[in-house]
Amino acid sequence: KKIAKREGKSESQIREEMEKAIMIGSLNKETRHKWDSLFGSGRLP
């Protein structure tokens, strides 16, 4: 909510941007093991 207010965007826009960034980050082969250890194998938070 605070990020949305600061950026002048809606909360849903911020969530969409975060979801895209999470997807991109999770696809990084170099850090995939860390994602799996934090959130579960193949699972997107």
PDB file of all heavy atoms in Angstrom:
ATOM      1  N   LYS A   1       0.836  -1.208   0.000  1.00  0.00           N
ATOM      2  CA  LYS A   1       0.000   0.000   0.000  1.00  0.00           C
ATOM      3  C   LYS A   1       0.873   1.260   0.000  1.00  0.00           C
ATOM      4  O   LYS A   1       0.628   2.207  -0.749  1.00  0.00           O
ATOM      5  CB  LYS A   1      -0.918   0.002   1.219  1.00  0.00           C
ATOM      6  CG  LYS A   1      -1.873   1.164   1.280  1.00  0.00           C
ATOM      7  CD  LYS A   1      -2.718   1.116   2.542  1.00  0.00           C
ATOM      8  CE  LYS A   1      -4.001   0.391   2.200  1.00  0.00           C
ATOM      9  NZ  LYS A   1      -4.965   0.410   3.309  1.00  0.00           N
ATOM     10  N   LYS A   2       1.913   1.265   0.831  1.00  0.00           N
ATOM     11  CA  LYS A   2       2.815   2.420   0.904  1.00  0.00           C
ATOM     12  C   LYS A   2       3.585   2.615  -0.402  1.00  0.00           C
ATOM     13  O   LYS A   2       3.771   3.746  -0.852  1.00  0.00           O
ATOM     14  CB  LYS A   2       3.797   2.244   2.060  1.00  0.00           C
ATOM     15  CG  LYS A   2       3.162   2.439   3.405  1.00  0.00           C
ATOM     16  CD  LYS A   2       4.154   2.211   4.530  1.00  0.00           C
ATOM     17  CE  LYS A   2       3.466   2.304   5.877  1.00  0.00           C
ATOM     18  NZ  LYS A   2       4.387   2.018   6.982  1.00  0.00           N
ATOM     19  N   ILE A   3       4.019   1.525  -0.999  1.00  0.00           N
ATOM     20  CA  ILE A   3       4.731   1.615  -2.285  1.00  0.00           C
ATOM     21  C   ILE A   3       3.797   2.193  -3.338  1.00  0.00           C
ATOM     22  O   ILE A   3       4.195   3.067  -4.124  1.00  0.00           O
ATOM     23  CB  ILE A   3       5.262   0.238  -2.719  1.00  0.00           C
ATOM     24  CG1 ILE A   3       6.372  -0.230  -1.767  1.00  0.00           C
ATOM     25  CG2 ILE A   3       5.775   0.276  -4.162  1.00  0.00           C
ATOM     26  CD1 ILE A   3       6.746  -1.697  -1.918  1.00  0.00           C
ATOM     27  N   ALA A   4       2.568   1.707  -3.384  1.00  0.00           N
ATOM     28  CA  ALA A   4       1.591   2.198  -4.364  1.00  0.00           C
ATOM     29  C   ALA A   4       1.381   3.699  -4.207  1.00  0.00           C
ATOM     30  O   ALA A   4       1.388   4.441  -5.197  1.00  0.00           O
ATOM     31  CB  ALA A   4       0.269   1.447  -4.209  1.00  0.00           C
ATOM     32  N   LYS A   5       1.216   4.133  -2.972  1.00  0.00           N
ATOM     33  CA  LYS A   5       1.003   5.558  -2.720  1.00  0.00           C
ATOM     34  C   LYS A   5       2.218   6.366  -3.166  1.00  0.00           C
ATOM     35  O   LYS A   5       2.090   7.391  -3.832  1.00  0.00           O
ATOM     36  CB  LYS A   5       0.718   5.792  -1.241  1.00  0.00           C
ATOM     37  CG  LYS A   5       0.366   7.212  -0.915  1.00  0.00           C
ATOM     38  CD  LYS A   5      -0.036   7.370   0.531  1.00  0.00           C
ATOM     39  CE  LYS A   5      -0.421   8.825   0.784  1.00  0.00           C
ATOM     40  NZ  LYS A   5      -0.888   9.029   2.155  1.00  0.00           N
ATOM     41  N   ARG A   6       3.411   5.897  -2.795  1.00  0.00           N
ATOM     42  CA  ARG A   6       4.641   6.607  -3.140  1.00  0.00           C
ATOM     43  C   ARG A   6       4.840   6.695  -4.656  1.00  0.00           C
ATOM     44  O   ARG A   6       5.276   7.716  -5.179  1.00  0.00           O
ATOM     45  CB  ARG A   6       5.848   5.889  -2.509  1.00  0.00           C
ATOM     46  CG  ARG A   6       7.164   6.603  -2.746  1.00  0.00           C
ATOM     47  CD  ARG A   6       8.350   5.822  -2.254  1.00  0.00           C
ATOM     48  NE  ARG A   6       8.534   4.664  -3.110  1.00  0.00           N
ATOM     49  CZ  ARG A   6       8.998   3.492  -2.703  1.00  0.00           C
ATOM     50  NH1 ARG A   6       9.316   3.285  -1.458  1.00  0.00           N
ATOM     51  NH2 ARG A   6       9.141   2.497  -3.559  1.00  0.00           N
ATOM     52  N   GLU A   7       4.474   5.620  -5.363  1.00  0.00           N
ATOM     53  CA  GLU A   7       4.669   5.570  -6.819  1.00  0.00           C
ATOM     54  C   GLU A   7       3.491   6.148  -7.598  1.00  0.00           C
ATOM     55  O   GLU A   7       3.553   6.239  -8.826  1.00  0.00           O
ATOM     56  CB  GLU A   7       4.909   4.123  -7.263  1.00  0.00           C
ATOM     57  CG  GLU A   7       6.141   3.480  -6.655  1.00  0.00           C
ATOM     58  CD  GLU A   7       7.426   4.156  -7.086  1.00  0.00           C
ATOM     59  OE1 GLU A   7       7.546   4.526  -8.267  1.00  0.00           O
ATOM     60  OE2 GLU A   7       8.320   4.317  -6.225  1.00  0.00           O
ATOM     61  N   GLY A   8       2.417   6.504  -6.923  1.00  0.00           N
ATOM     62  CA  GLY A   8       1.237   7.038  -7.594  1.00  0.00           C
ATOM     63  C   GLY A   8       0.532   5.992  -8.442  1.00  0.00           C
ATOM     64  O   GLY A   8      -0.026   6.309  -9.495  1.00  0.00           O
ATOM     65  N   LYS A   9       0.537   4.754  -7.967  1.00  0.00           N
ATOM     66  CA  LYS A   9      -0.089   3.643  -8.690  1.00  0.00           C
ATOM     67  C   LYS A   9      -1.073   2.959  -7.762  1.00  0.00           C
ATOM     68  O   LYS A   9      -1.066   3.173  -6.559  1.00  0.00           O
ATOM     69  CB  LYS A   9       0.971   2.643  -9.152  1.00  0.00           C
ATOM     70  CG  LYS A   9       1.952   3.221 -10.138  1.00  0.00           C
ATOM     71  CD  LYS A   9       2.961   2.172 -10.564  1.00  0.00           C
ATOM     72  CE  LYS A   9       3.930   2.768 -11.585  1.00  0.00           C
ATOM     73  NZ  LYS A   9       4.886   1.760 -12.033  1.00  0.00           N
ATOM     74  N   SER A  10      -1.888   2.083  -8.341  1.00  0.00           N
ATOM     75  CA  SER A  10      -2.816   1.307  -7.530  1.00  0.00           C
ATOM     76  C   SER A  10      -2.078   0.116  -6.915  1.00  0.00           C
ATOM     77  O   SER A  10      -1.018  -0.302  -7.405  1.00  0.00           O
ATOM     78  CB  SER A  10      -3.984   0.797  -8.375  1.00  0.00           C
ATOM     79  OG  SER A  10      -3.544  -0.200  -9.277  1.00  0.00           O
ATOM     80  N   GLU A  11      -2.650  -0.417  -5.854  1.00  0.00           N
ATOM     81  CA  GLU A  11      -2.060  -1.594  -5.223  1.00  0.00           C
ATOM     82  C   GLU A  11      -2.026  -2.769  -6.194  1.00  0.00           C
ATOM     83  O   GLU A  11      -1.060  -3.529  -6.205  1.00  0.00           O
ATOM     84  CB  GLU A  11      -2.836  -1.968  -3.966  1.00  0.00           C
ATOM     85  CG  GLU A  11      -2.666  -0.960  -2.848  1.00  0.00           C
ATOM     86  CD  GLU A  11      -3.503  -1.283  -1.633  1.00  0.00           C
ATOM     87  OE1 GLU A  11      -3.496  -2.458  -1.209  1.00  0.00           O
ATOM     88  OE2 GLU A  11      -4.155  -0.371  -1.122  1.00  0.00           O
ATOM     89  N   SER A  12      -3.048  -2.894  -7.025  1.00  0.00           N
ATOM     90  CA  SER A  12      -3.070  -3.999  -7.989  1.00  0.00           C
ATOM     91  C   SER A  12      -1.968  -3.841  -9.034  1.00  0.00           C
ATOM     92  O   SER A  12      -1.373  -4.838  -9.469  1.00  0.00           O
ATOM     93  CB  SER A  12      -4.443  -4.133  -8.649  1.00  0.00           C
ATOM     94  OG  SER A  12      -4.763  -2.985  -9.388  1.00  0.00           O
ATOM     95  N   GLN A  13      -1.661  -2.600  -9.412  1.00  0.00           N
ATOM     96  CA  GLN A  13      -0.549  -2.387 -10.346  1.00  0.00           C
ATOM     97  C   GLN A  13       0.779  -2.799  -9.708  1.00  0.00           C
ATOM     98  O   GLN A  13       1.610  -3.426 -10.359  1.00  0.00           O
ATOM     99  CB  GLN A  13      -0.470  -0.919 -10.764  1.00  0.00           C
ATOM    100  CG  GLN A  13      -1.542  -0.480 -11.728  1.00  0.00           C
ATOM    101  CD  GLN A  13      -1.474   1.014 -11.988  1.00  0.00           C
ATOM    102  OE1 GLN A  13      -1.498   1.813 -11.052  1.00  0.00           O
ATOM    103  NE2 GLN A  13      -1.397   1.382 -13.260  1.00  0.00           N
ATOM    104  N   ILE A  14       0.961  -2.456  -8.452  1.00  0.00           N
ATOM    105  CA  ILE A  14       2.188  -2.819  -7.749  1.00  0.00           C
ATOM    106  C   ILE A  14       2.290  -4.333  -7.637  1.00  0.00           C
ATOM    107  O   ILE A  14       3.349  -4.917  -7.882  1.00  0.00           O
ATOM    108  CB  ILE A  14       2.260  -2.153  -6.358  1.00  0.00           C
ATOM    109  CG1 ILE A  14       2.309  -0.618  -6.497  1.00  0.00           C
ATOM    110  CG2 ILE A  14       3.442  -2.681  -5.548  1.00  0.00           C
ATOM    111  CD1 ILE A  14       3.486  -0.083  -7.304  1.00  0.00           C
ATOM    112  N   ARG A  15       1.187  -4.997  -7.288  1.00  0.00           N
ATOM    113  CA  ARG A  15       1.201  -6.462  -7.203  1.00  0.00           C
ATOM    114  C   ARG A  15       1.545  -7.088  -8.553  1.00  0.00           C
ATOM    115  O   ARG A  15       2.315  -8.039  -8.613  1.00  0.00           O
ATOM    116  CB  ARG A  15      -0.140  -6.984  -6.706  1.00  0.00           C
ATOM    117  CG  ARG A  15      -0.294  -6.880  -5.231  1.00  0.00           C
ATOM    118  CD  ARG A  15      -1.519  -7.654  -4.725  1.00  0.00           C
ATOM    119  NE  ARG A  15      -1.635  -7.438  -3.300  1.00  0.00           N
ATOM    120  CZ  ARG A  15      -2.221  -6.392  -2.752  1.00  0.00           C
ATOM    121  NH1 ARG A  15      -2.753  -5.459  -3.509  1.00  0.00           N
ATOM    122  NH2 ARG A  15      -2.270  -6.265  -1.442  1.00  0.00           N
ATOM    123  N   GLU A  16       0.966  -6.549  -9.636  1.00  0.00           N
ATOM    124  CA  GLU A  16       1.262  -7.079 -10.977  1.00  0.00           C
ATOM    125  C   GLU A  16       2.746  -6.927 -11.297  1.00  0.00           C
ATOM    126  O   GLU A  16       3.369  -7.854 -11.829  1.00  0.00           O
ATOM    127  CB  GLU A  16       0.437  -6.350 -12.041  1.00  0.00           C
ATOM    128  CG  GLU A  16      -1.000  -6.783 -12.120  1.00  0.00           C
ATOM    129  CD  GLU A  16      -1.767  -6.007 -13.186  1.00  0.00           C
ATOM    130  OE1 GLU A  16      -1.159  -5.626 -14.221  1.00  0.00           O
ATOM    131  OE2 GLU A  16      -2.977  -5.791 -12.987  1.00  0.00           O
ATOM    132  N   GLU A  17       3.310  -5.760 -10.999  1.00  0.00           N
ATOM    133  CA  GLU A  17       4.728  -5.533 -11.245  1.00  0.00           C
ATOM    134  C   GLU A  17       5.586  -6.485 -10.412  1.00  0.00           C
ATOM    135  O   GLU A  17       6.584  -7.021 -10.896  1.00  0.00           O
ATOM    136  CB  GLU A  17       5.096  -4.083 -10.946  1.00  0.00           C
ATOM    137  CG  GLU A  17       4.523  -3.104 -11.941  1.00  0.00           C
ATOM    138  CD  GLU A  17       4.786  -1.647 -11.589  1.00  0.00           C
ATOM    139  OE1 GLU A  17       5.592  -1.364 -10.677  1.00  0.00           O
ATOM    140  OE2 GLU A  17       4.180  -0.776 -12.236  1.00  0.00           O
ATOM    141  N   MET A  18       5.181  -6.688  -9.166  1.00  0.00           N
ATOM    142  CA  MET A  18       5.926  -7.601  -8.299  1.00  0.00           C
ATOM    143  C   MET A  18       5.819  -9.042  -8.805  1.00  0.00           C
ATOM    144  O   MET A  18       6.802  -9.782  -8.793  1.00  0.00           O
ATOM    145  CB  MET A  18       5.420  -7.508  -6.860  1.00  0.00           C
ATOM    146  CG  MET A  18       5.805  -6.220  -6.176  1.00  0.00           C
ATOM    147  SD  MET A  18       5.248  -6.163  -4.466  1.00  0.00           S
ATOM    148  CE  MET A  18       6.392  -7.343  -3.733  1.00  0.00           C
ATOM    149  N   GLU A  19       4.632  -9.432  -9.242  1.00  0.00           N
ATOM    150  CA  GLU A  19       4.453 -10.785  -9.767  1.00  0.00           C
ATOM    151  C   GLU A  19       5.354 -11.022 -10.979  1.00  0.00           C
ATOM    152  O   GLU A  19       5.953 -12.092 -11.109  1.00  0.00           O
ATOM    153  CB  GLU A  19       2.990 -11.037 -10.112  1.00  0.00           C
ATOM    154  CG  GLU A  19       2.119 -11.192  -8.880  1.00  0.00           C
ATOM    155  CD  GLU A  19       0.631 -11.145  -9.172  1.00  0.00           C
ATOM    156  OE1 GLU A  19       0.231 -10.889 -10.327  1.00  0.00           O
ATOM    157  OE2 GLU A  19      -0.138 -11.345  -8.211  1.00  0.00           O
ATOM    158  N   LYS A  20       5.448 -10.033 -11.864  1.00  0.00           N
ATOM    159  CA  LYS A  20       6.340 -10.145 -13.030  1.00  0.00           C
ATOM    160  C   LYS A  20       7.792 -10.270 -12.583  1.00  0.00           C
ATOM    161  O   LYS A  20       8.539 -11.102 -13.100  1.00  0.00           O
ATOM    162  CB  LYS A  20       6.183  -8.936 -13.953  1.00  0.00           C
ATOM    163  CG  LYS A  20       4.898  -8.911 -14.727  1.00  0.00           C
ATOM    164  CD  LYS A  20       4.806  -7.646 -15.570  1.00  0.00           C
ATOM    165  CE  LYS A  20       3.435  -7.476 -16.158  1.00  0.00           C
ATOM    166  NZ  LYS A  20       3.296  -6.212 -16.896  1.00  0.00           N
ATOM    167  N   ALA A  21       8.196  -9.434 -11.626  1.00  0.00           N
ATOM    168  CA  ALA A  21       9.579  -9.473 -11.134  1.00  0.00           C
ATOM    169  C   ALA A  21       9.873 -10.800 -10.442  1.00  0.00           C
ATOM    170  O   ALA A  21      10.973 -11.358 -10.605  1.00  0.00           O
ATOM    171  CB  ALA A  21       9.820  -8.306 -10.176  1.00  0.00           C
ATOM    172  N   ILE A  22       8.916 -11.319  -9.692  1.00  0.00           N
ATOM    173  CA  ILE A  22       9.086 -12.614  -9.030  1.00  0.00           C
ATOM    174  C   ILE A  22       9.255 -13.709 -10.079  1.00  0.00           C
ATOM    175  O   ILE A  22      10.128 -14.575  -9.948  1.00  0.00           O
ATOM    176  CB  ILE A  22       7.894 -12.898  -8.088  1.00  0.00           C
ATOM    177  CG1 ILE A  22       7.972 -11.976  -6.866  1.00  0.00           C
ATOM    178  CG2 ILE A  22       7.842 -14.367  -7.682  1.00  0.00           C
ATOM    179  CD1 ILE A  22       6.704 -11.936  -6.030  1.00  0.00           C
ATOM    180  N   MET A  23       8.440 -13.673 -11.118  1.00  0.00           N
ATOM    181  CA  MET A  23       8.541 -14.670 -12.198  1.00  0.00           C
ATOM    182  C   MET A  23       9.913 -14.604 -12.860  1.00  0.00           C
ATOM    183  O   MET A  23      10.578 -15.629 -13.039  1.00  0.00           O
ATOM    184  CB  MET A  23       7.447 -14.444 -13.237  1.00  0.00           C
ATOM    185  CG  MET A  23       7.560 -15.337 -14.461  1.00  0.00           C
ATOM    186  SD  MET A  23       7.270 -17.060 -14.139  1.00  0.00           S
ATOM    187  CE  MET A  23       5.513 -17.065 -14.074  1.00  0.00           C
ATOM    188  N   ILE A  24      10.359 -13.415 -13.194  1.00  0.00           N
ATOM    189  CA  ILE A  24      11.666 -13.244 -13.836  1.00  0.00           C
ATOM    190  C   ILE A  24      12.775 -13.736 -12.912  1.00  0.00           C
ATOM    191  O   ILE A  24      13.668 -14.468 -13.328  1.00  0.00           O
ATOM    192  CB  ILE A  24      11.881 -11.776 -14.252  1.00  0.00           C
ATOM    193  CG1 ILE A  24      10.935 -11.416 -15.405  1.00  0.00           C
ATOM    194  CG2 ILE A  24      13.334 -11.526 -14.642  1.00  0.00           C
ATOM    195  CD1 ILE A  24      10.832  -9.926 -15.692  1.00  0.00           C
ATOM    196  N   GLY A  25      12.711 -13.340 -11.647  1.00  0.00           N
ATOM    197  CA  GLY A  25      13.726 -13.760 -10.699  1.00  0.00           C
ATOM    198  C   GLY A  25      13.763 -15.263 -10.512  1.00  0.00           C
ATOM    199  O   GLY A  25      14.834 -15.870 -10.409  1.00  0.00           O
ATOM    200  N   SER A  26      12.608 -15.886 -10.485  1.00  0.00           N
ATOM    201  CA  SER A  26      12.544 -17.331 -10.265  1.00  0.00           C
ATOM    202  C   SER A  26      13.088 -18.121 -11.453  1.00  0.00           C
ATOM    203  O   SER A  26      13.483 -19.274 -11.300  1.00  0.00           O
ATOM    204  CB  SER A  26      11.119 -17.764  -9.967  1.00  0.00           C
ATOM    205  OG  SER A  26      10.321 -17.703 -11.127  1.00  0.00           O
ATOM    206  N   LEU A  27      13.105 -17.504 -12.615  1.00  0.00           N
ATOM    207  CA  LEU A  27      13.605 -18.189 -13.814  1.00  0.00           C
ATOM    208  C   LEU A  27      15.125 -18.119 -13.962  1.00  0.00           C
ATOM    209  O   LEU A  27      15.685 -18.774 -14.829  1.00  0.00           O
ATOM    210  CB  LEU A  27      12.934 -17.607 -15.067  1.00  0.00           C
ATOM    211  CG  LEU A  27      11.434 -17.845 -15.160  1.00  0.00           C
ATOM    212  CD1 LEU A  27      10.857 -17.091 -16.360  1.00  0.00           C
ATOM    213  CD2 LEU A  27      11.110 -19.323 -15.247  1.00  0.00           C
ATOM    214  N   ASN A  28      15.783 -17.364 -13.094  1.00  0.00           N
ATOM    215  CA  ASN A  28      17.240 -17.239 -13.147  1.00  0.00           C
ATOM    216  C   ASN A  28      17.865 -18.553 -12.686  1.00  0.00           C
ATOM    217  O   ASN A  28      17.750 -18.950 -11.534  1.00  0.00           O
ATOM    218  CB  ASN A  28      17.683 -16.080 -12.244  1.00  0.00           C
ATOM    219  CG  ASN A  28      19.167 -15.841 -12.308  1.00  0.00           C
ATOM    220  OD1 ASN A  28      19.963 -16.747 -12.496  1.00  0.00           O
ATOM    221  ND2 ASN A  28      19.555 -14.596 -12.125  1.00  0.00           N
ATOM    222  N   LYS A  29      18.536 -19.228 -13.600  1.00  0.00           N
ATOM    223  CA  LYS A  29      19.116 -20.539 -13.303  1.00  0.00           C
ATOM    224  C   LYS A  29      20.188 -20.471 -12.223  1.00  0.00           C
ATOM    225  O   LYS A  29      20.372 -21.412 -11.462  1.00  0.00           O
ATOM    226  CB  LYS A  29      19.698 -21.156 -14.567  1.00  0.00           C
ATOM    227  CG  LYS A  29      18.643 -21.544 -15.572  1.00  0.00           C
ATOM    228  CD  LYS A  29      19.239 -22.102 -16.827  1.00  0.00           C
ATOM    229  CE  LYS A  29      18.135 -22.369 -17.839  1.00  0.00           C
ATOM    230  NZ  LYS A  29      18.663 -22.828 -19.112  1.00  0.00           N
ATOM    231  N   GLU A  30      20.877 -19.345 -12.126  1.00  0.00           N
ATOM    232  CA  GLU A  30      21.952 -19.204 -11.140  1.00  0.00           C
ATOM    233  C   GLU A  30      21.428 -19.108  -9.713  1.00  0.00           C
ATOM    234  O   GLU A  30      22.132 -19.455  -8.769  1.00  0.00           O
ATOM    235  CB  GLU A  30      22.811 -17.990 -11.459  1.00  0.00           C
ATOM    236  CG  GLU A  30      23.599 -18.133 -12.739  1.00  0.00           C
ATOM    237  CD  GLU A  30      24.387 -16.887 -13.097  1.00  0.00           C
ATOM    238  OE1 GLU A  30      24.589 -16.019 -12.224  1.00  0.00           O
ATOM    239  OE2 GLU A  30      24.780 -16.786 -14.264  1.00  0.00           O
ATOM    240  N   THR A  31      20.217 -18.620  -9.538  1.00  0.00           N
ATOM    241  CA  THR A  31      19.676 -18.455  -8.186  1.00  0.00           C
ATOM    242  C   THR A  31      18.472 -19.358  -7.918  1.00  0.00           C
ATOM    243  O   THR A  31      17.855 -19.245  -6.862  1.00  0.00           O
ATOM    244  CB  THR A  31      19.266 -16.991  -7.946  1.00  0.00           C
ATOM    245  OG1 THR A  31      18.270 -16.613  -8.912  1.00  0.00           O
ATOM    246  CG2 THR A  31      20.466 -16.050  -8.032  1.00  0.00           C
ATOM    247  N   ARG A  32      18.161 -20.251  -8.831  1.00  0.00           N
ATOM    248  CA  ARG A  32      16.974 -21.110  -8.690  1.00  0.00           C
ATOM    249  C   ARG A  32      16.995 -21.901  -7.391  1.00  0.00           C
ATOM    250  O   ARG A  32      15.977 -22.072  -6.733  1.00  0.00           O
ATOM    251  CB  ARG A  32      16.871 -22.059  -9.885  1.00  0.00           C
ATOM    252  CG  ARG A  32      15.616 -22.905  -9.899  1.00  0.00           C
ATOM    253  CD  ARG A  32      14.423 -22.048 -10.149  1.00  0.00           C
ATOM    254  NE  ARG A  32      13.370 -22.402  -9.208  1.00  0.00           N
ATOM    255  CZ  ARG A  32      12.189 -21.844  -9.177  1.00  0.00           C
ATOM    256  NH1 ARG A  32      11.894 -20.887  -9.999  1.00  0.00           N
ATOM    257  NH2 ARG A  32      11.304 -22.209  -8.313  1.00  0.00           N
ATOM    258  N   HIS A  33      18.168 -22.400  -7.001  1.00  0.00           N
ATOM    259  CA  HIS A  33      18.258 -23.182  -5.766  1.00  0.00           C
ATOM    260  C   HIS A  33      17.840 -22.362  -4.539  1.00  0.00           C
ATOM    261  O   HIS A  33      17.213 -22.881  -3.624  1.00  0.00           O
ATOM    262  CB  HIS A  33      19.674 -23.733  -5.593  1.00  0.00           C
ATOM    263  CG  HIS A  33      20.703 -22.673  -5.351  1.00  0.00           C
ATOM    264  ND1 HIS A  33      21.225 -21.895  -6.365  1.00  0.00           N
ATOM    265  CD2 HIS A  33      21.275 -22.243  -4.200  1.00  0.00           C
ATOM    266  CE1 HIS A  33      22.083 -21.032  -5.839  1.00  0.00           C
ATOM    267  NE2 HIS A  33      22.141 -21.216  -4.536  1.00  0.00           N
ATOM    268  N   LYS A  34      18.182 -21.087  -4.538  1.00  0.00           N
ATOM    269  CA  LYS A  34      17.808 -20.216  -3.415  1.00  0.00           C
ATOM    270  C   LYS A  34      16.294 -20.011  -3.378  1.00  0.00           C
ATOM    271  O   LYS A  34      15.671 -20.058  -2.329  1.00  0.00           O
ATOM    272  CB  LYS A  34      18.543 -18.875  -3.524  1.00  0.00           C
ATOM    273  CG  LYS A  34      18.313 -17.962  -2.359  1.00  0.00           C
ATOM    274  CD  LYS A  34      18.927 -18.509  -1.078  1.00  0.00           C
ATOM    275  CE  LYS A  34      18.801 -17.509   0.043  1.00  0.00           C
ATOM    276  NZ  LYS A  34      19.243 -18.025   1.312  1.00  0.00           N
ATOM    277  N   TRP A  35      15.701 -19.787  -4.548  1.00  0.00           N
ATOM    278  CA  TRP A  35      14.245 -19.628  -4.628  1.00  0.00           C
ATOM    279  C   TRP A  35      13.561 -20.884  -4.095  1.00  0.00           C
ATOM    280  O   TRP A  35      12.611 -20.801  -3.324  1.00  0.00           O
ATOM    281  CB  TRP A  35      13.801 -19.376  -6.070  1.00  0.00           C
ATOM    282  CG  TRP A  35      14.042 -17.988  -6.527  1.00  0.00           C
ATOM    283  CD1 TRP A  35      15.208 -17.483  -7.009  1.00  0.00           C
ATOM    284  CD2 TRP A  35      13.109 -16.911  -6.538  1.00  0.00           C
ATOM    285  NE1 TRP A  35      15.045 -16.156  -7.317  1.00  0.00           N
ATOM    286  CE2 TRP A  35      13.772 -15.786  -7.046  1.00  0.00           C
ATOM    287  CE3 TRP A  35      11.766 -16.807  -6.177  1.00  0.00           C
ATOM    288  CZ2 TRP A  35      13.134 -14.565  -7.191  1.00  0.00           C
ATOM    289  CZ3 TRP A  35      11.140 -15.588  -6.335  1.00  0.00           C
ATOM    290  CH2 TRP A  35      11.823 -14.479  -6.833  1.00  0.00           C
ATOM    291  N   ASP A  36      14.048 -22.054  -4.534  1.00  0.00           N
ATOM    292  CA  ASP A  36      13.450 -23.313  -4.099  1.00  0.00           C
ATOM    293  C   ASP A  36      13.567 -23.493  -2.590  1.00  0.00           C
ATOM    294  O   ASP A  36      12.634 -23.960  -1.941  1.00  0.00           O
ATOM    295  CB  ASP A  36      14.093 -24.490  -4.826  1.00  0.00           C
ATOM    296  CG  ASP A  36      13.725 -24.546  -6.299  1.00  0.00           C
ATOM    297  OD1 ASP A  36      12.763 -23.863  -6.713  1.00  0.00           O
ATOM    298  OD2 ASP A  36      14.406 -25.274  -7.042  1.00  0.00           O
ATOM    299  N   SER A  37      14.712 -23.096  -2.029  1.00  0.00           N
ATOM    300  CA  SER A  37      14.887 -23.267  -0.585  1.00  0.00           C
ATOM    301  C   SER A  37      14.005 -22.290   0.204  1.00  0.00           C
ATOM    302  O   SER A  37      13.565 -22.613   1.302  1.00  0.00           O
ATOM    303  CB  SER A  37      16.358 -23.095  -0.195  1.00  0.00           C
ATOM    304  OG  SER A  37      16.765 -21.758  -0.319  1.00  0.00           O
ATOM    305  N   LEU A  38      13.742 -21.130  -0.344  1.00  0.00           N
ATOM    306  CA  LEU A  38      12.916 -20.140   0.349  1.00  0.00           C
ATOM    307  C   LEU A  38      11.416 -20.392   0.211  1.00  0.00           C
ATOM    308  O   LEU A  38      10.653 -20.186   1.156  1.00  0.00           O
ATOM    309  CB  LEU A  38      13.229 -18.733  -0.163  1.00  0.00           C
ATOM    310  CG  LEU A  38      14.588 -18.157   0.192  1.00  0.00           C
ATOM    311  CD1 LEU A  38      14.821 -16.853  -0.559  1.00  0.00           C
ATOM    312  CD2 LEU A  38      14.710 -17.939   1.694  1.00  0.00           C
ATOM    313  N   PHE A  39      10.985 -20.819  -0.974  1.00  0.00           N
ATOM    314  CA  PHE A  39       9.546 -20.886  -1.260  1.00  0.00           C
ATOM    315  C   PHE A  39       9.021 -22.268  -1.631  1.00  0.00           C
ATOM    316  O   PHE A  39       7.832 -22.443  -1.781  1.00  0.00           O
ATOM    317  CB  PHE A  39       9.201 -19.901  -2.390  1.00  0.00           C
ATOM    318  CG  PHE A  39       9.645 -18.501  -2.115  1.00  0.00           C
ATOM    319  CD1 PHE A  39      10.709 -17.943  -2.803  1.00  0.00           C
ATOM    320  CD2 PHE A  39       9.021 -17.741  -1.143  1.00  0.00           C
ATOM    321  CE1 PHE A  39      11.135 -16.656  -2.540  1.00  0.00           C
ATOM    322  CE2 PHE A  39       9.435 -16.452  -0.868  1.00  0.00           C
ATOM    323  CZ  PHE A  39      10.495 -15.904  -1.570  1.00  0.00           C
ATOM    324  N   GLY A  40       9.904 -23.226  -1.803  1.00  0.00           N
ATOM    325  CA  GLY A  40       9.486 -24.558  -2.233  1.00  0.00           C
ATOM    326  C   GLY A  40       9.806 -24.755  -3.703  1.00  0.00           C
ATOM    327  O   GLY A  40       9.754 -23.813  -4.495  1.00  0.00           O
ATOM    328  N   SER A  41      10.130 -25.963  -4.036  1.00  0.00           N
ATOM    329  CA  SER A  41      10.558 -26.282  -5.393  1.00  0.00           C
ATOM    330  C   SER A  41       9.488 -25.946  -6.433  1.00  0.00           C
ATOM    331  O   SER A  41       8.359 -26.430  -6.355  1.00  0.00           O
ATOM    332  CB  SER A  41      10.917 -27.764  -5.477  1.00  0.00           C
ATOM    333  OG  SER A  41      11.407 -28.064  -6.751  1.00  0.00           O
ATOM    334  N   GLY A  42       9.863 -25.085  -7.377  1.00  0.00           N
ATOM    335  CA  GLY A  42       8.986 -24.735  -8.479  1.00  0.00           C
ATOM    336  C   GLY A  42       7.782 -23.888  -8.111  1.00  0.00           C
ATOM    337  O   GLY A  42       6.900 -23.680  -8.930  1.00  0.00           O
ATOM    338  N   ARG A  43       7.734 -23.387  -6.907  1.00  0.00           N
ATOM    339  CA  ARG A  43       6.589 -22.606  -6.426  1.00  0.00           C
ATOM    340  C   ARG A  43       6.881 -21.118  -6.471  1.00  0.00           C
ATOM    341  O   ARG A  43       7.952 -20.684  -6.083  1.00  0.00           O
ATOM    342  CB  ARG A  43       6.318 -23.017  -4.982  1.00  0.00           C
ATOM    343  CG  ARG A  43       4.937 -22.694  -4.535  1.00  0.00           C
ATOM    344  CD  ARG A  43       4.714 -23.201  -3.097  1.00  0.00           C
ATOM    345  NE  ARG A  43       3.836 -22.241  -2.465  1.00  0.00           N
ATOM    346  CZ  ARG A  43       4.230 -21.127  -1.884  1.00  0.00           C
ATOM    347  NH1 ARG A  43       5.483 -20.839  -1.762  1.00  0.00           N
ATOM    348  NH2 ARG A  43       3.357 -20.282  -1.386  1.00  0.00           N
ATOM    349  N   LEU A  44       5.919 -20.348  -6.961  1.00  0.00           N
ATOM    350  CA  LEU A  44       6.057 -18.897  -6.974  1.00  0.00           C
ATOM    351  C   LEU A  44       5.285 -18.306  -5.799  1.00  0.00           C
ATOM    352  O   LEU A  44       4.102 -18.606  -5.618  1.00  0.00           O
ATOM    353  CB  LEU A  44       5.512 -18.305  -8.278  1.00  0.00           C
ATOM    354  CG  LEU A  44       6.298 -18.615  -9.540  1.00  0.00           C
ATOM    355  CD1 LEU A  44       5.592 -18.021 -10.750  1.00  0.00           C
ATOM    356  CD2 LEU A  44       7.702 -18.086  -9.436  1.00  0.00           C
ATOM    357  N   PRO A  45       5.922 -17.455  -5.018  1.00  0.00           N
ATOM    358  CA  PRO A  45       5.228 -16.840  -3.884  1.00  0.00           C
ATOM    359  C   PRO A  45       4.359 -15.674  -4.342  1.00  0.00           C
ATOM    360  O   PRO A  45       4.588 -15.073  -5.389  1.00  0.00           O
ATOM    361  CB  PRO A  45       6.385 -16.329  -3.023  1.00  0.00           C
ATOM    362  CG  PRO A  45       7.443 -15.981  -4.023  1.00  0.00           C
ATOM    363  CD  PRO A  45       7.328 -17.044  -5.086  1.00  0.00           C
TER     364      PRO A  45
END
